């Protein structure tokens, strides 16, 4: 009997999978990892919201309040990052 027609995309997909020249070599995911680079001291920013403010006000209703909220979140994140750096003894000396 007649075989149902396959769509062209299915035919292309099957033909593409049969090409052996396009296969990438397999990677051993359980190999020994390269050593990590030495840790560098982390400096604390004097103004954590500088980049955020350089973008201008958010294009939305209540932009002023949203800007304050975004700034508070960024400052909180910077504080937590500084605390983690201090706990790992990676905090750089202040530049004053």
C-alpha atoms as a PDB file:
ATOM      1  CA  UNK A   1       0.000   0.000   0.000  1.00  0.00           C
ATOM      2  CA  UNK A   2       0.963   3.641  -0.083  1.00  0.00           C
ATOM      3  CA  UNK A   3       3.189   4.942   2.681  1.00  0.00           C
ATOM      4  CA  UNK A   4       1.961   8.165   4.310  1.00  0.00           C
ATOM      5  CA  UNK A   5       3.884  11.234   3.193  1.00  0.00           C
ATOM      6  CA  UNK A   6       6.482  12.495   5.652  1.00  0.00           C
ATOM      7  CA  UNK A   7       6.874  16.200   6.064  1.00  0.00           C
ATOM      8  CA  UNK A   8       9.990  17.753   4.573  1.00  0.00           C
ATOM      9  CA  UNK A   9      11.233  18.936   7.955  1.00  0.00           C
ATOM     10  CA  UNK A  10      11.123  15.378   9.315  1.00  0.00           C
ATOM     11  CA  UNK A  11      13.031  14.120   6.291  1.00  0.00           C
ATOM     12  CA  UNK A  12      15.663  16.848   6.684  1.00  0.00           C
ATOM     13  CA  UNK A  13      16.019  16.130  10.375  1.00  0.00           C
ATOM     14  CA  UNK A  14      16.558  12.435   9.760  1.00  0.00           C
ATOM     15  CA  UNK A  15      19.051  13.070   6.958  1.00  0.00           C
ATOM     16  CA  UNK A  16      20.943  15.561   9.109  1.00  0.00           C
ATOM     17  CA  UNK A  17      21.292  13.064  11.951  1.00  0.00           C
ATOM     18  CA  UNK A  18      22.808  10.460   9.646  1.00  0.00           C
ATOM     19  CA  UNK A  19      25.736  12.642   8.611  1.00  0.00           C
ATOM     20  CA  UNK A  20      28.745  11.469  10.569  1.00  0.00           C
ATOM     21  CA  UNK A  21      30.992  14.358   9.535  1.00  0.00           C
ATOM     22  CA  UNK A  22      29.131  16.866  11.730  1.00  0.00           C
ATOM     23  CA  UNK A  23      29.483  14.995  15.028  1.00  0.00           C
ATOM     24  CA  UNK A  24      31.569  16.555  17.745  1.00  0.00           C
ATOM     25  CA  UNK A  25      33.987  14.376  19.700  1.00  0.00           C
ATOM     26  CA  UNK A  26      32.597  13.088  22.984  1.00  0.00           C
ATOM     27  CA  UNK A  27      33.809  14.809  26.131  1.00  0.00           C
ATOM     28  CA  UNK A  28      34.628  12.878  29.268  1.00  0.00           C
ATOM     29  CA  UNK A  29      32.639  14.712  31.952  1.00  0.00           C
ATOM     30  CA  UNK A  30      34.305  12.740  34.771  1.00  0.00           C
ATOM     31  CA  UNK A  31      37.824  13.846  33.919  1.00  0.00           C
ATOM     32  CA  UNK A  32      39.981  15.672  36.453  1.00  0.00           C
ATOM     33  CA  UNK A  33      39.223  19.407  36.408  1.00  0.00           C
ATOM     34  CA  UNK A  34      41.891  22.028  35.796  1.00  0.00           C
ATOM     35  CA  UNK A  35      43.180  23.720  38.954  1.00  0.00           C
ATOM     36  CA  UNK A  36      41.474  26.959  39.940  1.00  0.00           C
ATOM     37  CA  UNK A  37      43.369  30.242  39.626  1.00  0.00           C
ATOM     38  CA  UNK A  38      44.558  31.877  42.860  1.00  0.00           C
ATOM     39  CA  UNK A  39      41.950  33.950  44.666  1.00  0.00           C
ATOM     40  CA  UNK A  40      42.225  37.711  44.402  1.00  0.00           C
ATOM     41  CA  UNK A  41      41.190  40.188  47.106  1.00  0.00           C
ATOM     42  CA  UNK A  42      37.733  41.715  46.709  1.00  0.00           C
ATOM     43  CA  UNK A  43      37.335  45.482  47.006  1.00  0.00           C
ATOM     44  CA  UNK A  44      34.139  47.044  48.285  1.00  0.00           C
ATOM     45  CA  UNK A  45      32.534  49.685  46.094  1.00  0.00           C
ATOM     46  CA  UNK A  46      32.059  53.122  47.609  1.00  0.00           C
ATOM     47  CA  UNK A  47      28.809  53.575  45.666  1.00  0.00           C
ATOM     48  CA  UNK A  48      27.097  50.309  44.834  1.00  0.00           C
ATOM     49  CA  UNK A  49      24.251  52.037  42.985  1.00  0.00           C
ATOM     50  CA  UNK A  50      26.418  54.058  40.560  1.00  0.00           C
ATOM     51  CA  UNK A  51      25.793  51.743  37.613  1.00  0.00           C
ATOM     52  CA  UNK A  52      22.085  51.552  38.375  1.00  0.00           C
ATOM     53  CA  UNK A  53      21.782  55.360  38.533  1.00  0.00           C
ATOM     54  CA  UNK A  54      23.731  55.737  35.278  1.00  0.00           C
ATOM     55  CA  UNK A  55      20.906  53.934  33.461  1.00  0.00           C
ATOM     56  CA  UNK A  56      18.428  56.651  34.431  1.00  0.00           C
ATOM     57  CA  UNK A  57      14.969  56.259  35.878  1.00  0.00           C
ATOM     58  CA  UNK A  58      13.117  53.006  35.138  1.00  0.00           C
ATOM     59  CA  UNK A  59      10.601  53.470  32.284  1.00  0.00           C
ATOM     60  CA  UNK A  60       7.508  52.666  34.332  1.00  0.00           C
ATOM     61  CA  UNK A  61       4.818  54.218  36.496  1.00  0.00           C
ATOM     62  CA  UNK A  62       6.139  55.070  39.939  1.00  0.00           C
ATOM     63  CA  UNK A  63       9.696  55.235  38.630  1.00  0.00           C
ATOM     64  CA  UNK A  64      10.986  57.257  41.567  1.00  0.00           C
ATOM     65  CA  UNK A  65       9.833  54.715  44.153  1.00  0.00           C
ATOM     66  CA  UNK A  66      11.035  51.832  41.985  1.00  0.00           C
ATOM     67  CA  UNK A  67      14.445  53.487  41.667  1.00  0.00           C
ATOM     68  CA  UNK A  68      14.737  53.708  45.459  1.00  0.00           C
ATOM     69  CA  UNK A  69      13.690  50.056  45.805  1.00  0.00           C
ATOM     70  CA  UNK A  70      16.159  48.879  43.156  1.00  0.00           C
ATOM     71  CA  UNK A  71      18.887  50.896  44.869  1.00  0.00           C
ATOM     72  CA  UNK A  72      18.083  49.325  48.242  1.00  0.00           C
ATOM     73  CA  UNK A  73      18.283  45.835  46.725  1.00  0.00           C
ATOM     74  CA  UNK A  74      21.651  46.593  45.098  1.00  0.00           C
ATOM     75  CA  UNK A  75      23.057  48.041  48.336  1.00  0.00           C
ATOM     76  CA  UNK A  76      21.831  45.007  50.291  1.00  0.00           C
ATOM     77  CA  UNK A  77      23.460  42.656  47.788  1.00  0.00           C
ATOM     78  CA  UNK A  78      26.723  44.599  47.962  1.00  0.00           C
ATOM     79  CA  UNK A  79      26.638  44.392  51.763  1.00  0.00           C
ATOM     80  CA  UNK A  80      26.091  40.632  51.708  1.00  0.00           C
ATOM     81  CA  UNK A  81      28.899  40.208  49.159  1.00  0.00           C
ATOM     82  CA  UNK A  82      31.254  42.221  51.376  1.00  0.00           C
ATOM     83  CA  UNK A  83      30.297  40.123  54.411  1.00  0.00           C
ATOM     84  CA  UNK A  84      30.986  36.907  52.496  1.00  0.00           C
ATOM     85  CA  UNK A  85      34.345  38.247  51.319  1.00  0.00           C
ATOM     86  CA  UNK A  86      35.216  39.193  54.896  1.00  0.00           C
ATOM     87  CA  UNK A  87      34.228  35.760  56.211  1.00  0.00           C
ATOM     88  CA  UNK A  88      36.472  34.101  53.602  1.00  0.00           C
ATOM     89  CA  UNK A  89      39.336  36.499  54.440  1.00  0.00           C
ATOM     90  CA  UNK A  90      39.281  37.862  50.877  1.00  0.00           C
ATOM     91  CA  UNK A  91      38.386  41.474  51.626  1.00  0.00           C
ATOM     92  CA  UNK A  92      40.966  43.901  50.266  1.00  0.00           C
ATOM     93  CA  UNK A  93      42.271  46.754  52.375  1.00  0.00           C
ATOM     94  CA  UNK A  94      40.316  49.998  51.830  1.00  0.00           C
ATOM     95  CA  UNK A  95      41.958  52.532  49.522  1.00  0.00           C
ATOM     96  CA  UNK A  96      40.945  55.646  51.556  1.00  0.00           C
END
